[in-house]
Protein backbone atom coordinates (compact mmCIF):
# COMPACT_ATOMS: atom_id res chain seq x y z
CA UNK A 1 0.00 0.00 0.00
CA UNK A 2 1.55 3.20 -1.12
CA UNK A 3 0.78 6.39 0.80
CA UNK A 4 -0.31 9.53 -0.82
CA UNK A 5 2.03 12.52 -0.41
CA UNK A 6 0.70 15.14 1.94
CA UNK A 7 1.04 18.81 1.08
CA UNK A 8 -0.37 21.56 -1.07
CA UNK A 9 -0.91 21.32 -4.77
CA UNK A 10 0.21 24.19 -6.95
CA UNK A 11 -3.40 25.28 -7.47
CA UNK A 12 -4.13 25.32 -3.73
CA UNK A 13 -1.00 27.39 -3.13
CA UNK A 14 -1.93 29.89 -5.86
CA UNK A 15 -5.48 30.27 -4.49
CA UNK A 16 -4.08 30.85 -0.97
CA UNK A 17 -1.64 33.49 -2.23
CA UNK A 18 -4.41 35.22 -4.21
CA UNK A 19 -6.66 35.39 -1.13
CA UNK A 20 -3.78 36.71 0.99
CA UNK A 21 -3.03 39.38 -1.63
CA UNK A 22 -6.67 40.51 -1.65
CA UNK A 23 -6.74 40.75 2.17
CA UNK A 24 -3.49 42.72 2.30
CA UNK A 25 -4.67 45.07 -0.46
CA UNK A 26 -7.89 45.73 1.45
CA UNK A 27 -6.12 46.15 4.79
CA UNK A 28 -3.30 48.55 3.89
CA UNK A 29 -5.47 51.68 3.35
CA UNK A 30 -7.29 51.03 6.62
CA UNK A 31 -3.95 50.59 8.40
CA UNK A 32 -2.61 53.83 6.90
CA UNK A 33 -5.70 55.69 8.11
CA UNK A 34 -5.28 54.11 11.55
CA UNK A 35 -1.64 55.29 11.70
CA UNK A 36 -2.60 58.83 10.59
CA UNK A 37 -5.41 59.08 13.15
CA UNK A 38 -3.07 57.91 15.92
CA UNK A 39 -0.39 60.40 14.83
CA UNK A 40 -2.98 63.20 14.91
CA UNK A 41 -4.18 62.18 18.39
CA UNK A 42 -0.60 61.97 19.69
CA UNK A 43 0.25 65.44 18.37
CA UNK A 44 -2.91 66.99 19.83
CA UNK A 45 -2.20 65.28 23.15
CA UNK A 46 1.38 66.57 23.08
CA UNK A 47 0.19 70.17 22.74
CA UNK A 48 -2.45 69.74 25.46
CA UNK A 49 0.20 68.15 27.68
CA UNK A 50 2.54 71.14 27.18
CA UNK A 51 -0.22 73.59 28.09
CA UNK A 52 -1.18 71.56 31.16
CA UNK A 53 2.46 71.38 32.30
CA UNK A 54 2.76 75.16 31.98
CA UNK A 55 -0.42 75.86 33.90
CA UNK A 56 0.38 73.38 36.64
CA UNK A 57 3.95 74.66 36.99
CA UNK A 58 2.78 78.29 37.15
CA UNK A 59 0.41 77.52 40.01
CA UNK A 60 2.66 75.14 41.95
CA UNK A 61 5.84 77.24 41.62
CA UNK A 62 4.10 80.63 41.87
CA UNK A 63 5.81 81.92 38.72
CA UNK A 64 4.79 82.81 35.18
CA UNK A 65 5.27 79.82 32.87
CA UNK A 66 5.33 80.03 29.08
CA UNK A 67 4.67 77.68 26.16
CA UNK A 68 6.19 79.00 22.95
CA UNK A 69 7.03 77.86 19.45
CA UNK A 70 10.72 76.98 19.19
CA UNK A 71 12.83 75.28 16.55
CA UNK A 72 16.08 75.34 18.54
CA UNK A 73 14.75 74.70 22.09
CA UNK A 74 16.25 78.03 23.20
CA UNK A 75 14.49 80.90 21.45
CA UNK A 76 10.79 81.51 20.89
CA UNK A 77 9.75 81.75 17.24
CA UNK A 78 6.49 81.96 15.30
CA UNK A 79 6.53 78.53 13.62
CA UNK A 80 4.71 76.07 15.87
CA UNK A 81 5.29 73.29 13.30
CA UNK A 82 8.97 73.16 14.34
CA UNK A 83 8.15 72.22 17.93
CA UNK A 84 7.56 74.06 21.20
CA UNK A 85 9.02 74.43 24.65
CA UNK A 86 7.74 75.05 28.17
CA UNK A 87 9.77 77.28 30.47
CA UNK A 88 9.37 79.00 33.82
CA UNK A 89 9.91 82.69 33.13
CA UNK A 90 11.27 83.48 36.60
CA UNK A 91 12.64 86.89 35.67
CA UNK A 92 9.64 87.86 33.50
CA UNK A 93 11.66 88.74 30.38
CA UNK A 94 9.93 86.23 28.07
CA UNK A 95 13.23 84.53 27.23
CA UNK A 96 14.62 81.13 28.18
CA UNK A 97 17.60 81.36 30.48
CA UNK A 98 19.67 78.83 32.38
CA UNK A 99 17.53 76.69 34.64
CA UNK A 100 14.20 77.89 33.23
CA UNK A 101 13.59 75.23 30.53
CA UNK A 102 11.08 72.63 31.73
CA UNK A 103 10.17 70.56 28.69
CA UNK A 104 10.87 70.30 24.96
CA UNK A 105 8.33 69.01 22.43
CA UNK A 106 9.23 67.78 18.93
CA UNK A 107 8.19 69.18 15.57
CA UNK A 108 4.93 68.21 13.89
CA UNK A 109 5.57 65.38 11.43
CA UNK A 110 3.75 62.99 9.14
CA UNK A 111 2.53 65.69 6.79
CA UNK A 112 0.43 67.36 9.49
CA UNK A 113 0.38 71.13 9.94
CA UNK A 114 -0.31 73.27 12.99
CA UNK A 115 -1.82 76.72 12.57
CA UNK A 116 -2.73 79.07 15.37
CA UNK A 117 -4.19 82.42 16.32
CA UNK A 118 -1.42 82.69 18.93
CA UNK A 119 1.62 84.61 17.67
CA UNK A 120 4.51 83.14 19.62
CA UNK A 121 3.50 82.08 23.11
CA UNK A 122 0.90 81.37 25.73
CA UNK A 123 1.81 82.23 29.29
CA UNK A 124 0.23 81.19 32.57
CA UNK A 125 0.23 83.39 35.64
CA UNK A 126 0.60 81.94 39.17
CA UNK A 127 -3.21 82.20 39.46
CA UNK A 128 -3.59 79.72 36.57
CA UNK A 129 -5.02 82.35 34.23
CA UNK A 130 -3.53 82.53 30.75
CA UNK A 131 -1.87 85.69 29.47
CA UNK A 132 -3.06 84.91 25.95
CA UNK A 133 -6.03 82.95 24.65
CA UNK A 134 -6.25 81.36 21.24
CA UNK A 135 -6.87 78.34 19.08
CA UNK A 136 -4.42 75.84 17.63
CA UNK A 137 -5.64 73.81 14.64
CA UNK A 138 -3.92 70.59 13.61
CA UNK A 139 -4.64 69.45 10.05
CA UNK A 140 -3.61 66.49 7.93
CA UNK A 141 -4.21 65.62 4.28
CA UNK A 142 -7.80 64.67 5.12
CA UNK A 143 -8.93 68.28 5.41
CA UNK A 144 -11.69 69.27 7.80
CA UNK A 145 -12.80 65.69 8.44
CA UNK A 146 -9.79 64.89 10.63
CA UNK A 147 -8.90 68.43 11.81
CA UNK A 148 -8.58 68.96 15.56
CA UNK A 149 -8.54 72.22 17.50
CA UNK A 150 -6.97 72.94 20.88
CA UNK A 151 -8.63 75.97 22.44
CA UNK A 152 -7.15 77.99 25.32
CA UNK A 153 -9.62 80.29 27.06
CA UNK A 154 -8.69 83.57 28.79
CA UNK A 155 -9.26 81.75 32.07
CA UNK A 156 -6.54 79.28 31.07
CA UNK A 157 -8.84 76.32 30.49
CA UNK A 158 -7.82 73.96 27.67
CA UNK A 159 -10.24 71.99 25.56
CA UNK A 160 -10.20 70.13 22.26
CA UNK A 161 -12.81 70.20 19.53
CA UNK A 162 -13.27 69.47 15.86
CA UNK A 163 -11.24 71.92 13.81
CA UNK A 164 -11.49 73.63 10.44
CA UNK A 165 -8.55 73.70 8.04
CA UNK A 166 -8.28 76.66 5.70
């Protein structure tokens, strides 16, 4: 009695590969969207985190604390897409000096853009009130569908909402 060889035939293997190719083709766009949505959420959370650090530090250390756009982690600039820093402005001059830098946040990446109504910085007074209010809008290639806004009220409160890209 001779045994039959066990294994796949060429046709079975080709059908399996075709099904796998169809599943991968269908899954890649969904995975890309998943990655983009997670990147957007992480970047929004990073900005909210910076603002919360500044407010908390201002109240707990009884000093003005600033969040500002910065590409070199030393000087405040106007391009929030290059990253931002949080510093305790102990001498009130609006500039980062030795011992004042609290946290550095990286640049926006992944094709996202950050626009804002805030020129260069948002400060928090020891009372927790903000020196500047404004809205940050984070956009990706999806337009208004995926846009997120981070809103800072004059009272210093921070909230997120759906945004509008222009």
